[in-house]
Amino acid sequence: MLIILEKYPVFVKLGHFYRERLVGQEILVSLQVELSTEMVNRLEDNLEGTLDYGQLFLAIDRELRDQEIKLVETAVLRLGRRIMNDFPELISVQVQVEKRVLPRALNKGATVAVQHHFVRKGLQ
């Protein structure tokens, strides 16, 4: 079973250039998490039997909110490792971070997104 969180806004001091980090910006974080078969099989209609989405949002905030990070890739790796560490019942997580404000007006309306898929070995 997949749970998908899309475009959660987080303020980060993100950018290679000092000025980007000084001003900061809102990035959009998306996650796709895969629950273990064991968790799915014991799923009932209550929060205790599944993954609490609120805990995912809190993990995103703890790892990224107001942090100073130079590369979008670093933000993705930090968050993916945090999610896999904090949620042992997950088989995998796909993390995407979208940066909407690019330096030197390079974007002209475009965005940049970096994505990585983290997989735990031994779970199904």
PDB file of N, CA and C in Angstrom:
ATOM      1  N   MET A   1       0.849  -1.170   0.000  1.00  0.00           N
ATOM      2  CA  MET A   1       0.000   0.000   0.000  1.00  0.00           C
ATOM      3  C   MET A   1       0.893   1.231   0.000  1.00  0.00           C
ATOM      4  N   LEU A   2       0.524   2.212  -0.812  1.00  0.00           N
ATOM      5  CA  LEU A   2       1.260   3.466  -0.906  1.00  0.00           C
ATOM      6  C   LEU A   2       0.463   4.591  -0.254  1.00  0.00           C
ATOM      7  N   ILE A   3       1.143   5.434   0.467  1.00  0.00           N
ATOM      8  CA  ILE A   3       0.569   6.668   0.990  1.00  0.00           C
ATOM      9  C   ILE A   3       1.355   7.798   0.360  1.00  0.00           C
ATOM     10  N   ILE A   4       0.643   8.756  -0.208  1.00  0.00           N
ATOM     11  CA  ILE A   4       1.289   9.834  -0.949  1.00  0.00           C
ATOM     12  C   ILE A   4       0.951  11.176  -0.313  1.00  0.00           C
ATOM     13  N   LEU A   5       1.977  11.940   0.014  1.00  0.00           N
ATOM     14  CA  LEU A   5       1.827  13.311   0.491  1.00  0.00           C
ATOM     15  C   LEU A   5       2.414  14.198  -0.593  1.00  0.00           C
ATOM     16  N   GLU A   6       1.659  15.182  -1.032  1.00  0.00           N
ATOM     17  CA  GLU A   6       2.114  15.997  -2.151  1.00  0.00           C
ATOM     18  C   GLU A   6       2.237  17.470  -1.797  1.00  0.00           C
ATOM     19  N   LYS A   7       3.375  18.021  -2.180  1.00  0.00           N
ATOM     20  CA  LYS A   7       3.631  19.454  -2.173  1.00  0.00           C
ATOM     21  C   LYS A   7       3.394  20.125  -0.822  1.00  0.00           C
ATOM     22  N   TYR A   8       3.976  19.537   0.219  1.00  0.00           N
ATOM     23  CA  TYR A   8       3.915  20.126   1.556  1.00  0.00           C
ATOM     24  C   TYR A   8       4.911  21.288   1.617  1.00  0.00           C
ATOM     25  N   PRO A   9       4.442  22.505   1.910  1.00  0.00           N
ATOM     26  CA  PRO A   9       5.343  23.665   1.923  1.00  0.00           C
ATOM     27  C   PRO A   9       6.187  23.732   3.189  1.00  0.00           C
ATOM     28  N   VAL A  10       7.481  23.975   2.997  1.00  0.00           N
ATOM     29  CA  VAL A  10       8.430  24.082   4.111  1.00  0.00           C
ATOM     30  C   VAL A  10       9.383  25.239   3.814  1.00  0.00           C
ATOM     31  N   PHE A  11       9.558  26.124   4.788  1.00  0.00           N
ATOM     32  CA  PHE A  11      10.504  27.224   4.621  1.00  0.00           C
ATOM     33  C   PHE A  11      11.904  26.738   4.981  1.00  0.00           C
ATOM     34  N   VAL A  12      12.844  26.936   4.049  1.00  0.00           N
ATOM     35  CA  VAL A  12      14.226  26.478   4.215  1.00  0.00           C
ATOM     36  C   VAL A  12      15.159  27.581   3.719  1.00  0.00           C
ATOM     37  N   LYS A  13      16.310  27.682   4.343  1.00  0.00           N
ATOM     38  CA  LYS A  13      17.362  28.585   3.861  1.00  0.00           C
ATOM     39  C   LYS A  13      18.190  27.765   2.885  1.00  0.00           C
ATOM     40  N   LEU A  14      17.698  27.660   1.664  1.00  0.00           N
ATOM     41  CA  LEU A  14      18.242  26.728   0.681  1.00  0.00           C
ATOM     42  C   LEU A  14      18.862  27.458  -0.494  1.00  0.00           C
ATOM     43  N   GLY A  15      20.078  27.054  -0.840  1.00  0.00           N
ATOM     44  CA  GLY A  15      20.696  27.585  -2.043  1.00  0.00           C
ATOM     45  C   GLY A  15      22.207  27.546  -1.972  1.00  0.00           C
ATOM     46  N   HIS A  16      22.804  27.400  -3.120  1.00  0.00           N
ATOM     47  CA  HIS A  16      24.260  27.382  -3.215  1.00  0.00           C
ATOM     48  C   HIS A  16      24.840  28.758  -2.879  1.00  0.00           C
ATOM     49  N   PHE A  17      24.146  29.800  -3.315  1.00  0.00           N
ATOM     50  CA  PHE A  17      24.638  31.162  -3.101  1.00  0.00           C
ATOM     51  C   PHE A  17      24.184  31.688  -1.742  1.00  0.00           C
ATOM     52  N   TYR A  18      25.074  32.425  -1.101  1.00  0.00           N
ATOM     53  CA  TYR A  18      24.805  32.963   0.236  1.00  0.00           C
ATOM     54  C   TYR A  18      23.487  33.757   0.266  1.00  0.00           C
ATOM     55  N   ARG A  19      23.262  34.572  -0.740  1.00  0.00           N
ATOM     56  CA  ARG A  19      22.050  35.410  -0.779  1.00  0.00           C
ATOM     57  C   ARG A  19      20.782  34.556  -0.755  1.00  0.00           C
ATOM     58  N   GLU A  20      20.801  33.416  -1.429  1.00  0.00           N
ATOM     59  CA  GLU A  20      19.639  32.520  -1.407  1.00  0.00           C
ATOM     60  C   GLU A  20      19.361  32.032   0.016  1.00  0.00           C
ATOM     61  N   ARG A  21      20.426  31.652   0.700  1.00  0.00           N
ATOM     62  CA  ARG A  21      20.272  31.142   2.064  1.00  0.00           C
ATOM     63  C   ARG A  21      19.887  32.253   3.032  1.00  0.00           C
ATOM     64  N   LEU A  22      20.378  33.450   2.783  1.00  0.00           N
ATOM     65  CA  LEU A  22      20.059  34.591   3.641  1.00  0.00           C
ATOM     66  C   LEU A  22      18.559  34.895   3.599  1.00  0.00           C
ATOM     67  N   VAL A  23      17.989  34.899   2.420  1.00  0.00           N
ATOM     68  CA  VAL A  23      16.570  35.210   2.235  1.00  0.00           C
ATOM     69  C   VAL A  23      15.699  33.998   2.546  1.00  0.00           C
ATOM     70  N   GLY A  24      16.158  32.825   2.137  1.00  0.00           N
ATOM     71  CA  GLY A  24      15.366  31.609   2.308  1.00  0.00           C
ATOM     72  C   GLY A  24      14.210  31.549   1.318  1.00  0.00           C
ATOM     73  N   GLN A  25      13.521  30.423   1.321  1.00  0.00           N
ATOM     74  CA  GLN A  25      12.387  30.260   0.418  1.00  0.00           C
ATOM     75  C   GLN A  25      11.551  29.064   0.834  1.00  0.00           C
ATOM     76  N   GLU A  26      10.349  29.039   0.314  1.00  0.00           N
ATOM     77  CA  GLU A  26       9.468  27.907   0.559  1.00  0.00           C
ATOM     78  C   GLU A  26       9.707  26.858  -0.527  1.00  0.00           C
ATOM     79  N   ILE A  27       9.968  25.631  -0.089  1.00  0.00           N
ATOM     80  CA  ILE A  27      10.102  24.508  -1.018  1.00  0.00           C
ATOM     81  C   ILE A  27       8.861  23.637  -0.863  1.00  0.00           C
ATOM     82  N   LEU A  28       8.648  22.756  -1.810  1.00  0.00           N
ATOM     83  CA  LEU A  28       7.526  21.825  -1.748  1.00  0.00           C
ATOM     84  C   LEU A  28       8.077  20.411  -1.622  1.00  0.00           C
ATOM     85  N   VAL A  29       7.623  19.697  -0.609  1.00  0.00           N
ATOM     86  CA  VAL A  29       8.094  18.343  -0.342  1.00  0.00           C
ATOM     87  C   VAL A  29       6.974  17.362  -0.635  1.00  0.00           C
ATOM     88  N   SER A  30       7.292  16.338  -1.407  1.00  0.00           N
ATOM     89  CA  SER A  30       6.347  15.254  -1.681  1.00  0.00           C
ATOM     90  C   SER A  30       6.979  13.936  -1.272  1.00  0.00           C
ATOM     91  N   LEU A  31       6.161  13.075  -0.665  1.00  0.00           N
ATOM     92  CA  LEU A  31       6.611  11.750  -0.248  1.00  0.00           C
ATOM     93  C   LEU A  31       5.663  10.700  -0.792  1.00  0.00           C
ATOM     94  N   GLN A  32       6.226   9.570  -1.140  1.00  0.00           N
ATOM     95  CA  GLN A  32       5.437   8.376  -1.450  1.00  0.00           C
ATOM     96  C   GLN A  32       6.016   7.270  -0.588  1.00  0.00           C
ATOM     97  N   VAL A  33       5.252   6.835   0.420  1.00  0.00           N
ATOM     98  CA  VAL A  33       5.754   5.810   1.337  1.00  0.00           C
ATOM     99  C   VAL A  33       5.005   4.507   1.103  1.00  0.00           C
ATOM    100  N   GLU A  34       5.750   3.406   1.188  1.00  0.00           N
ATOM    101  CA  GLU A  34       5.173   2.075   0.998  1.00  0.00           C
ATOM    102  C   GLU A  34       5.161   1.343   2.331  1.00  0.00           C
ATOM    103  N   LEU A  35       3.958   0.938   2.746  1.00  0.00           N
ATOM    104  CA  LEU A  35       3.796   0.217   4.004  1.00  0.00           C
ATOM    105  C   LEU A  35       4.181  -1.243   3.831  1.00  0.00           C
ATOM    106  N   SER A  36       4.682  -1.841   4.896  1.00  0.00           N
ATOM    107  CA  SER A  36       5.024  -3.260   4.858  1.00  0.00           C
ATOM    108  C   SER A  36       3.753  -4.098   4.728  1.00  0.00           C
ATOM    109  N   THR A  37       3.899  -5.289   4.156  1.00  0.00           N
ATOM    110  CA  THR A  37       2.770  -6.214   4.019  1.00  0.00           C
ATOM    111  C   THR A  37       2.184  -6.537   5.384  1.00  0.00           C
ATOM    112  N   GLU A  38       3.039  -6.698   6.373  1.00  0.00           N
ATOM    113  CA  GLU A  38       2.589  -6.980   7.743  1.00  0.00           C
ATOM    114  C   GLU A  38       1.661  -5.874   8.247  1.00  0.00           C
ATOM    115  N   MET A  39       2.039  -4.635   8.027  1.00  0.00           N
ATOM    116  CA  MET A  39       1.210  -3.516   8.477  1.00  0.00           C
ATOM    117  C   MET A  39      -0.122  -3.484   7.726  1.00  0.00           C
ATOM    118  N   VAL A  40      -0.079  -3.724   6.429  1.00  0.00           N
ATOM    119  CA  VAL A  40      -1.303  -3.724   5.622  1.00  0.00           C
ATOM    120  C   VAL A  40      -2.235  -4.843   6.073  1.00  0.00           C
ATOM    121  N   ASN A  41      -1.673  -6.023   6.363  1.00  0.00           N
ATOM    122  CA  ASN A  41      -2.496  -7.166   6.762  1.00  0.00           C
ATOM    123  C   ASN A  41      -3.188  -6.961   8.102  1.00  0.00           C
ATOM    124  N   ARG A  42      -2.614  -6.169   8.972  1.00  0.00           N
ATOM    125  CA  ARG A  42      -3.243  -5.943  10.278  1.00  0.00           C
ATOM    126  C   ARG A  42      -4.036  -4.625  10.323  1.00  0.00           C
ATOM    127  N   LEU A  43      -4.181  -4.006   9.173  1.00  0.00           N
ATOM    128  CA  LEU A  43      -4.871  -2.719   9.076  1.00  0.00           C
ATOM    129  C   LEU A  43      -6.338  -2.845   9.460  1.00  0.00           C
ATOM    130  N   GLU A  44      -6.747  -2.011  10.369  1.00  0.00           N
ATOM    131  CA  GLU A  44      -8.151  -1.882  10.743  1.00  0.00           C
ATOM    132  C   GLU A  44      -8.518  -0.421  10.571  1.00  0.00           C
ATOM    133  N   ASP A  45      -9.748  -0.107  10.814  1.00  0.00           N
ATOM    134  CA  ASP A  45     -10.217   1.255  10.586  1.00  0.00           C
ATOM    135  C   ASP A  45      -9.932   2.145  11.791  1.00  0.00           C
ATOM    136  N   ASN A  46      -8.647   2.212  12.169  1.00  0.00           N
ATOM    137  CA  ASN A  46      -8.244   3.120  13.241  1.00  0.00           C
ATOM    138  C   ASN A  46      -6.805   3.556  13.017  1.00  0.00           C
ATOM    139  N   LEU A  47      -6.466   4.678  13.584  1.00  0.00           N
ATOM    140  CA  LEU A  47      -5.155   5.285  13.357  1.00  0.00           C
ATOM    141  C   LEU A  47      -4.005   4.438  13.878  1.00  0.00           C
ATOM    142  N   GLU A  48      -4.253   3.690  14.946  1.00  0.00           N
ATOM    143  CA  GLU A  48      -3.181   2.881  15.521  1.00  0.00           C
ATOM    144  C   GLU A  48      -2.707   1.779  14.572  1.00  0.00           C
ATOM    145  N   GLY A  49      -3.541   1.398  13.610  1.00  0.00           N
ATOM    146  CA  GLY A  49      -3.185   0.307  12.711  1.00  0.00           C
ATOM    147  C   GLY A  49      -2.485   0.733  11.443  1.00  0.00           C
ATOM    148  N   THR A  50      -2.264   2.010  11.269  1.00  0.00           N
ATOM    149  CA  THR A  50      -1.637   2.483  10.041  1.00  0.00           C
ATOM    150  C   THR A  50      -0.601   3.557  10.362  1.00  0.00           C
ATOM    151  N   LEU A  51      -0.087   4.169   9.336  1.00  0.00           N
ATOM    152  CA  LEU A  51       0.895   5.233   9.498  1.00  0.00           C
ATOM    153  C   LEU A  51       0.169   6.556   9.700  1.00  0.00           C
ATOM    154  N   ASP A  52       0.518   7.264  10.745  1.00  0.00           N
ATOM    155  CA  ASP A  52      -0.080   8.564  11.044  1.00  0.00           C
ATOM    156  C   ASP A  52       0.578   9.616  10.141  1.00  0.00           C
ATOM    157  N   TYR A  53      -0.190  10.158   9.213  1.00  0.00           N
ATOM    158  CA  TYR A  53       0.357  11.146   8.273  1.00  0.00           C
ATOM    159  C   TYR A  53       0.945  12.344   9.015  1.00  0.00           C
ATOM    160  N   GLY A  54       0.320  12.702  10.117  1.00  0.00           N
ATOM    161  CA  GLY A  54       0.815  13.827  10.911  1.00  0.00           C
ATOM    162  C   GLY A  54       2.251  13.626  11.356  1.00  0.00           C
ATOM    163  N   GLN A  55       2.610  12.384  11.652  1.00  0.00           N
ATOM    164  CA  GLN A  55       3.987  12.092  12.058  1.00  0.00           C
ATOM    165  C   GLN A  55       4.963  12.291  10.897  1.00  0.00           C
ATOM    166  N   LEU A  56       4.504  12.021   9.677  1.00  0.00           N
ATOM    167  CA  LEU A  56       5.351  12.282   8.506  1.00  0.00           C
ATOM    168  C   LEU A  56       5.589  13.783   8.345  1.00  0.00           C
ATOM    169  N   PHE A  57       4.514  14.575   8.492  1.00  0.00           N
ATOM    170  CA  PHE A  57       4.673  16.025   8.385  1.00  0.00           C
ATOM    171  C   PHE A  57       5.625  16.551   9.463  1.00  0.00           C
ATOM    172  N   LEU A  58       5.506  16.030  10.674  1.00  0.00           N
ATOM    173  CA  LEU A  58       6.416  16.445  11.751  1.00  0.00           C
ATOM    174  C   LEU A  58       7.868  16.078  11.446  1.00  0.00           C
ATOM    175  N   ALA A  59       8.079  14.911  10.864  1.00  0.00           N
ATOM    176  CA  ALA A  59       9.444  14.494  10.505  1.00  0.00           C
ATOM    177  C   ALA A  59      10.026  15.424   9.443  1.00  0.00           C
ATOM    178  N   ILE A  60       9.209  15.812   8.480  1.00  0.00           N
ATOM    179  CA  ILE A  60       9.660  16.759   7.446  1.00  0.00           C
ATOM    180  C   ILE A  60      10.071  18.070   8.109  1.00  0.00           C
ATOM    181  N   ASP A  61       9.208  18.577   8.973  1.00  0.00           N
ATOM    182  CA  ASP A  61       9.504  19.846   9.647  1.00  0.00           C
ATOM    183  C   ASP A  61      10.762  19.759  10.501  1.00  0.00           C
ATOM    184  N   ARG A  62      10.909  18.684  11.260  1.00  0.00           N
ATOM    185  CA  ARG A  62      12.087  18.543  12.128  1.00  0.00           C
ATOM    186  C   ARG A  62      13.381  18.498  11.321  1.00  0.00           C
ATOM    187  N   GLU A  63      13.322  17.882  10.156  1.00  0.00           N
ATOM    188  CA  GLU A  63      14.545  17.720   9.366  1.00  0.00           C
ATOM    189  C   GLU A  63      14.883  18.947   8.524  1.00  0.00           C
ATOM    190  N   LEU A  64      13.874  19.665   8.028  1.00  0.00           N
ATOM    191  CA  LEU A  64      14.150  20.706   7.044  1.00  0.00           C
ATOM    192  C   LEU A  64      13.767  22.125   7.451  1.00  0.00           C
ATOM    193  N   ARG A  65      12.686  22.315   8.180  1.00  0.00           N
ATOM    194  CA  ARG A  65      12.171  23.664   8.437  1.00  0.00           C
ATOM    195  C   ARG A  65      13.232  24.554   9.077  1.00  0.00           C
ATOM    196  N   ASP A  66      13.449  25.720   8.437  1.00  0.00           N
ATOM    197  CA  ASP A  66      14.390  26.751   8.904  1.00  0.00           C
ATOM    198  C   ASP A  66      15.855  26.315   8.903  1.00  0.00           C
ATOM    199  N   GLN A  67      16.158  25.193   8.283  1.00  0.00           N
ATOM    200  CA  GLN A  67      17.543  24.729   8.203  1.00  0.00           C
ATOM    201  C   GLN A  67      18.277  25.434   7.069  1.00  0.00           C
ATOM    202  N   GLU A  68      19.577  25.534   7.192  1.00  0.00           N
ATOM    203  CA  GLU A  68      20.408  26.105   6.133  1.00  0.00           C
ATOM    204  C   GLU A  68      21.062  24.960   5.376  1.00  0.00           C
ATOM    205  N   ILE A  69      20.709  24.843   4.096  1.00  0.00           N
ATOM    206  CA  ILE A  69      21.167  23.739   3.245  1.00  0.00           C
ATOM    207  C   ILE A  69      21.546  24.332   1.889  1.00  0.00           C
ATOM    208  N   LYS A  70      22.668  23.915   1.346  1.00  0.00           N
ATOM    209  CA  LYS A  70      23.119  24.467   0.071  1.00  0.00           C
ATOM    210  C   LYS A  70      22.488  23.794  -1.146  1.00  0.00           C
ATOM    211  N   LEU A  71      22.295  22.486  -1.098  1.00  0.00           N
ATOM    212  CA  LEU A  71      21.836  21.765  -2.293  1.00  0.00           C
ATOM    213  C   LEU A  71      20.479  21.097  -2.071  1.00  0.00           C
ATOM    214  N   VAL A  72      19.646  21.122  -3.090  1.00  0.00           N
ATOM    215  CA  VAL A  72      18.367  20.411  -3.045  1.00  0.00           C
ATOM    216  C   VAL A  72      18.627  18.919  -2.829  1.00  0.00           C
ATOM    217  N   GLU A  73      19.677  18.415  -3.452  1.00  0.00           N
ATOM    218  CA  GLU A  73      20.025  17.000  -3.307  1.00  0.00           C
ATOM    219  C   GLU A  73      20.291  16.635  -1.846  1.00  0.00           C
ATOM    220  N   THR A  74      20.941  17.528  -1.120  1.00  0.00           N
ATOM    221  CA  THR A  74      21.219  17.295   0.294  1.00  0.00           C
ATOM    222  C   THR A  74      19.929  17.235   1.093  1.00  0.00           C
ATOM    223  N   ALA A  75      18.989  18.111   0.787  1.00  0.00           N
ATOM    224  CA  ALA A  75      17.692  18.104   1.469  1.00  0.00           C
ATOM    225  C   ALA A  75      16.973  16.772   1.240  1.00  0.00           C
ATOM    226  N   VAL A  76      17.001  16.279   0.018  1.00  0.00           N
ATOM    227  CA  VAL A  76      16.355  15.000  -0.311  1.00  0.00           C
ATOM    228  C   VAL A  76      17.003  13.860   0.469  1.00  0.00           C
ATOM    229  N   LEU A  77      18.321  13.800   0.470  1.00  0.00           N
ATOM    230  CA  LEU A  77      19.021  12.719   1.175  1.00  0.00           C
ATOM    231  C   LEU A  77      18.776  12.773   2.680  1.00  0.00           C
ATOM    232  N   ARG A  78      18.849  13.958   3.252  1.00  0.00           N
ATOM    233  CA  ARG A  78      18.609  14.080   4.697  1.00  0.00           C
ATOM    234  C   ARG A  78      17.212  13.621   5.062  1.00  0.00           C
ATOM    235  N   LEU A  79      16.230  14.065   4.292  1.00  0.00           N
ATOM    236  CA  LEU A  79      14.849  13.713   4.612  1.00  0.00           C
ATOM    237  C   LEU A  79      14.589  12.227   4.405  1.00  0.00           C
ATOM    238  N   GLY A  80      15.085  11.662   3.322  1.00  0.00           N
ATOM    239  CA  GLY A  80      14.888  10.234   3.076  1.00  0.00           C
ATOM    240  C   GLY A  80      15.483   9.373   4.171  1.00  0.00           C
ATOM    241  N   ARG A  81      16.679   9.707   4.599  1.00  0.00           N
ATOM    242  CA  ARG A  81      17.321   8.951   5.684  1.00  0.00           C
ATOM    243  C   ARG A  81      16.543   9.097   6.987  1.00  0.00           C
ATOM    244  N   ARG A  82      16.050  10.285   7.239  1.00  0.00           N
ATOM    245  CA  ARG A  82      15.264  10.527   8.462  1.00  0.00           C
ATOM    246  C   ARG A  82      13.982   9.695   8.460  1.00  0.00           C
ATOM    247  N   ILE A  83      13.267   9.695   7.345  1.00  0.00           N
ATOM    248  CA  ILE A  83      12.009   8.947   7.247  1.00  0.00           C
ATOM    249  C   ILE A  83      12.266   7.453   7.419  1.00  0.00           C
ATOM    250  N   MET A  84      13.273   6.933   6.751  1.00  0.00           N
ATOM    251  CA  MET A  84      13.573   5.502   6.864  1.00  0.00           C
ATOM    252  C   MET A  84      14.002   5.144   8.287  1.00  0.00           C
ATOM    253  N   ASN A  85      14.704   6.033   8.948  1.00  0.00           N
ATOM    254  CA  ASN A  85      15.135   5.783  10.323  1.00  0.00           C
ATOM    255  C   ASN A  85      13.962   5.866  11.312  1.00  0.00           C
ATOM    256  N   ASP A  86      13.117   6.869  11.140  1.00  0.00           N
ATOM    257  CA  ASP A  86      12.026   7.115  12.097  1.00  0.00           C
ATOM    258  C   ASP A  86      10.823   6.192  11.920  1.00  0.00           C
ATOM    259  N   PHE A  87      10.694   5.571  10.747  1.00  0.00           N
ATOM    260  CA  PHE A  87       9.520   4.752  10.450  1.00  0.00           C
ATOM    261  C   PHE A  87       9.962   3.363   9.970  1.00  0.00           C
ATOM    262  N   PRO A  88      10.341   2.479  10.889  1.00  0.00           N
ATOM    263  CA  PRO A  88      10.867   1.159  10.511  1.00  0.00           C
ATOM    264  C   PRO A  88       9.838   0.255   9.825  1.00  0.00           C
ATOM    265  N   GLU A  89       8.560   0.600   9.907  1.00  0.00           N
ATOM    266  CA  GLU A  89       7.524  -0.211   9.271  1.00  0.00           C
ATOM    267  C   GLU A  89       7.390   0.062   7.768  1.00  0.00           C
ATOM    268  N   LEU A  90       8.148   1.011   7.259  1.00  0.00           N
ATOM    269  CA  LEU A  90       8.084   1.333   5.831  1.00  0.00           C
ATOM    270  C   LEU A  90       9.037   0.458   5.030  1.00  0.00           C
ATOM    271  N   ILE A  91       8.570   0.033   3.865  1.00  0.00           N
ATOM    272  CA  ILE A  91       9.426  -0.697   2.925  1.00  0.00           C
ATOM    273  C   ILE A  91      10.293   0.294   2.157  1.00  0.00           C
ATOM    274  N   SER A  92       9.666   1.402   1.763  1.00  0.00           N
ATOM    275  CA  SER A  92      10.397   2.378   0.970  1.00  0.00           C
ATOM    276  C   SER A  92       9.763   3.751   1.104  1.00  0.00           C
ATOM    277  N   VAL A  93      10.525   4.752   0.698  1.00  0.00           N
ATOM    278  CA  VAL A  93      10.014   6.110   0.595  1.00  0.00           C
ATOM    279  C   VAL A  93      10.654   6.760  -0.623  1.00  0.00           C
ATOM    280  N   GLN A  94       9.839   7.438  -1.385  1.00  0.00           N
ATOM    281  CA  GLN A  94      10.340   8.259  -2.479  1.00  0.00           C
ATOM    282  C   GLN A  94      10.165   9.708  -2.041  1.00  0.00           C
ATOM    283  N   VAL A  95      11.243  10.451  -2.064  1.00  0.00           N
ATOM    284  CA  VAL A  95      11.247  11.837  -1.610  1.00  0.00           C
ATOM    285  C   VAL A  95      11.472  12.738  -2.815  1.00  0.00           C
ATOM    286  N   GLN A  96      10.666  13.783  -2.906  1.00  0.00           N
ATOM    287  CA  GLN A  96      10.879  14.801  -3.931  1.00  0.00           C
ATOM    288  C   GLN A  96      10.852  16.172  -3.270  1.00  0.00           C
ATOM    289  N   VAL A  97      11.842  16.984  -3.590  1.00  0.00           N
ATOM    290  CA  VAL A  97      11.891  18.365  -3.131  1.00  0.00           C
ATOM    291  C   VAL A  97      11.890  19.253  -4.361  1.00  0.00           C
ATOM    292  N   GLU A  98      10.953  20.183  -4.369  1.00  0.00           N
ATOM    293  CA  GLU A  98      10.803  21.111  -5.495  1.00  0.00           C
ATOM    294  C   GLU A  98      11.211  22.504  -5.043  1.00  0.00           C
ATOM    295  N   LYS A  99      12.151  23.076  -5.773  1.00  0.00           N
ATOM    296  CA  LYS A  99      12.629  24.430  -5.511  1.00  0.00           C
ATOM    297  C   LYS A  99      12.048  25.334  -6.590  1.00  0.00           C
ATOM    298  N   ARG A 100      11.282  26.325  -6.145  1.00  0.00           N
ATOM    299  CA  ARG A 100      10.573  27.171  -7.111  1.00  0.00           C
ATOM    300  C   ARG A 100      11.268  28.485  -7.413  1.00  0.00           C
ATOM    301  N   VAL A 101      12.182  28.909  -6.532  1.00  0.00           N
ATOM    302  CA  VAL A 101      12.896  30.168  -6.748  1.00  0.00           C
ATOM    303  C   VAL A 101      14.348  29.835  -7.063  1.00  0.00           C
ATOM    304  N   LEU A 102      14.748  30.143  -8.279  1.00  0.00           N
ATOM    305  CA  LEU A 102      16.111  29.846  -8.718  1.00  0.00           C
ATOM    306  C   LEU A 102      16.935  31.129  -8.759  1.00  0.00           C
ATOM    307  N   PRO A 103      18.235  31.018  -8.558  1.00  0.00           N
ATOM    308  CA  PRO A 103      19.077  32.221  -8.502  1.00  0.00           C
ATOM    309  C   PRO A 103      19.206  32.897  -9.858  1.00  0.00           C
ATOM    310  N   ARG A 104      19.464  34.187  -9.768  1.00  0.00           N
ATOM    311  CA  ARG A 104      19.765  34.979 -10.974  1.00  0.00           C
ATOM    312  C   ARG A 104      18.653  34.900 -12.016  1.00  0.00           C
ATOM    313  N   ALA A 105      17.423  34.748 -11.566  1.00  0.00           N
ATOM    314  CA  ALA A 105      16.252  34.716 -12.454  1.00  0.00           C
ATOM    315  C   ALA A 105      16.377  33.668 -13.551  1.00  0.00           C
ATOM    316  N   LEU A 106      17.042  32.563 -13.244  1.00  0.00           N
ATOM    317  CA  LEU A 106      17.220  31.499 -14.229  1.00  0.00           C
ATOM    318  C   LEU A 106      15.914  30.796 -14.566  1.00  0.00           C
ATOM    319  N   ASN A 107      14.992  30.792 -13.625  1.00  0.00           N
ATOM    320  CA  ASN A 107      13.826  29.941 -13.804  1.00  0.00           C
ATOM    321  C   ASN A 107      12.824  30.442 -14.825  1.00  0.00           C
ATOM    322  N   LYS A 108      12.581  31.729 -14.906  1.00  0.00           N
ATOM    323  CA  LYS A 108      11.595  32.276 -15.838  1.00  0.00           C
ATOM    324  C   LYS A 108      10.284  31.489 -15.753  1.00  0.00           C
ATOM    325  N   GLY A 109       9.905  31.138 -14.534  1.00  0.00           N
ATOM    326  CA  GLY A 109       8.671  30.392 -14.317  1.00  0.00           C
ATOM    327  C   GLY A 109       8.860  28.901 -14.127  1.00  0.00           C
ATOM    328  N   ALA A 110      10.055  28.407 -14.371  1.00  0.00           N
ATOM    329  CA  ALA A 110      10.321  26.972 -14.212  1.00  0.00           C
ATOM    330  C   ALA A 110      10.642  26.653 -12.760  1.00  0.00           C
ATOM    331  N   THR A 111      10.603  25.389 -12.429  1.00  0.00           N
ATOM    332  CA  THR A 111      11.020  24.915 -11.109  1.00  0.00           C
ATOM    333  C   THR A 111      12.047  23.801 -11.305  1.00  0.00           C
ATOM    334  N   VAL A 112      12.733  23.475 -10.221  1.00  0.00           N
ATOM    335  CA  VAL A 112      13.657  22.350 -10.227  1.00  0.00           C
ATOM    336  C   VAL A 112      13.195  21.381  -9.152  1.00  0.00           C
ATOM    337  N   ALA A 113      13.143  20.101  -9.478  1.00  0.00           N
ATOM    338  CA  ALA A 113      12.779  19.082  -8.494  1.00  0.00           C
ATOM    339  C   ALA A 113      13.838  17.997  -8.500  1.00  0.00           C
ATOM    340  N   VAL A 114      14.175  17.535  -7.298  1.00  0.00           N
ATOM    341  CA  VAL A 114      15.107  16.427  -7.135  1.00  0.00           C
ATOM    342  C   VAL A 114      14.366  15.327  -6.399  1.00  0.00           C
ATOM    343  N   GLN A 115      14.566  14.107  -6.864  1.00  0.00           N
ATOM    344  CA  GLN A 115      13.820  12.972  -6.338  1.00  0.00           C
ATOM    345  C   GLN A 115      14.770  11.798  -6.103  1.00  0.00           C
ATOM    346  N   HIS A 116      14.504  11.037  -5.028  1.00  0.00           N
ATOM    347  CA  HIS A 116      15.302   9.834  -4.764  1.00  0.00           C
ATOM    348  C   HIS A 116      14.406   8.803  -4.092  1.00  0.00           C
ATOM    349  N   HIS A 117      14.652   7.532  -4.409  1.00  0.00           N
ATOM    350  CA  HIS A 117      13.878   6.416  -3.861  1.00  0.00           C
ATOM    351  C   HIS A 117      14.760   5.644  -2.888  1.00  0.00           C
ATOM    352  N   PHE A 118      14.314   5.548  -1.642  1.00  0.00           N
ATOM    353  CA  PHE A 118      15.034   4.834  -0.584  1.00  0.00           C
ATOM    354  C   PHE A 118      14.295   3.529  -0.321  1.00  0.00           C
ATOM    355  N   VAL A 119      15.022   2.409  -0.272  1.00  0.00           N
ATOM    356  CA  VAL A 119      14.402   1.088  -0.083  1.00  0.00           C
ATOM    357  C   VAL A 119      15.081   0.373   1.086  1.00  0.00           C
ATOM    358  N   ARG A 120      14.249  -0.196   1.955  1.00  0.00           N
ATOM    359  CA  ARG A 120      14.760  -0.969   3.087  1.00  0.00           C
ATOM    360  C   ARG A 120      14.871  -2.433   2.646  1.00  0.00           C
ATOM    361  N   LYS A 121      15.991  -3.035   2.888  1.00  0.00           N
ATOM    362  CA  LYS A 121      16.190  -4.437   2.514  1.00  0.00           C
ATOM    363  C   LYS A 121      15.567  -5.346   3.566  1.00  0.00           C
ATOM    364  N   GLY A 122      14.974  -6.440   3.119  1.00  0.00           N
ATOM    365  CA  GLY A 122      14.453  -7.443   4.032  1.00  0.00           C
ATOM    366  C   GLY A 122      12.994  -7.310   4.402  1.00  0.00           C
ATOM    367  N   LEU A 123      12.342  -6.225   4.034  1.00  0.00           N
ATOM    368  CA  LEU A 123      10.905  -6.055   4.307  1.00  0.00           C
ATOM    369  C   LEU A 123      10.111  -6.225   3.028  1.00  0.00           C
ATOM    370  N   GLN A 124       8.886  -6.695   3.186  1.00  0.00           N
ATOM    371  CA  GLN A 124       7.959  -6.761   2.045  1.00  0.00           C
ATOM    372  C   GLN A 124       6.593  -6.377   2.492  1.00  0.00           C
TER     373      GLN A 124
END
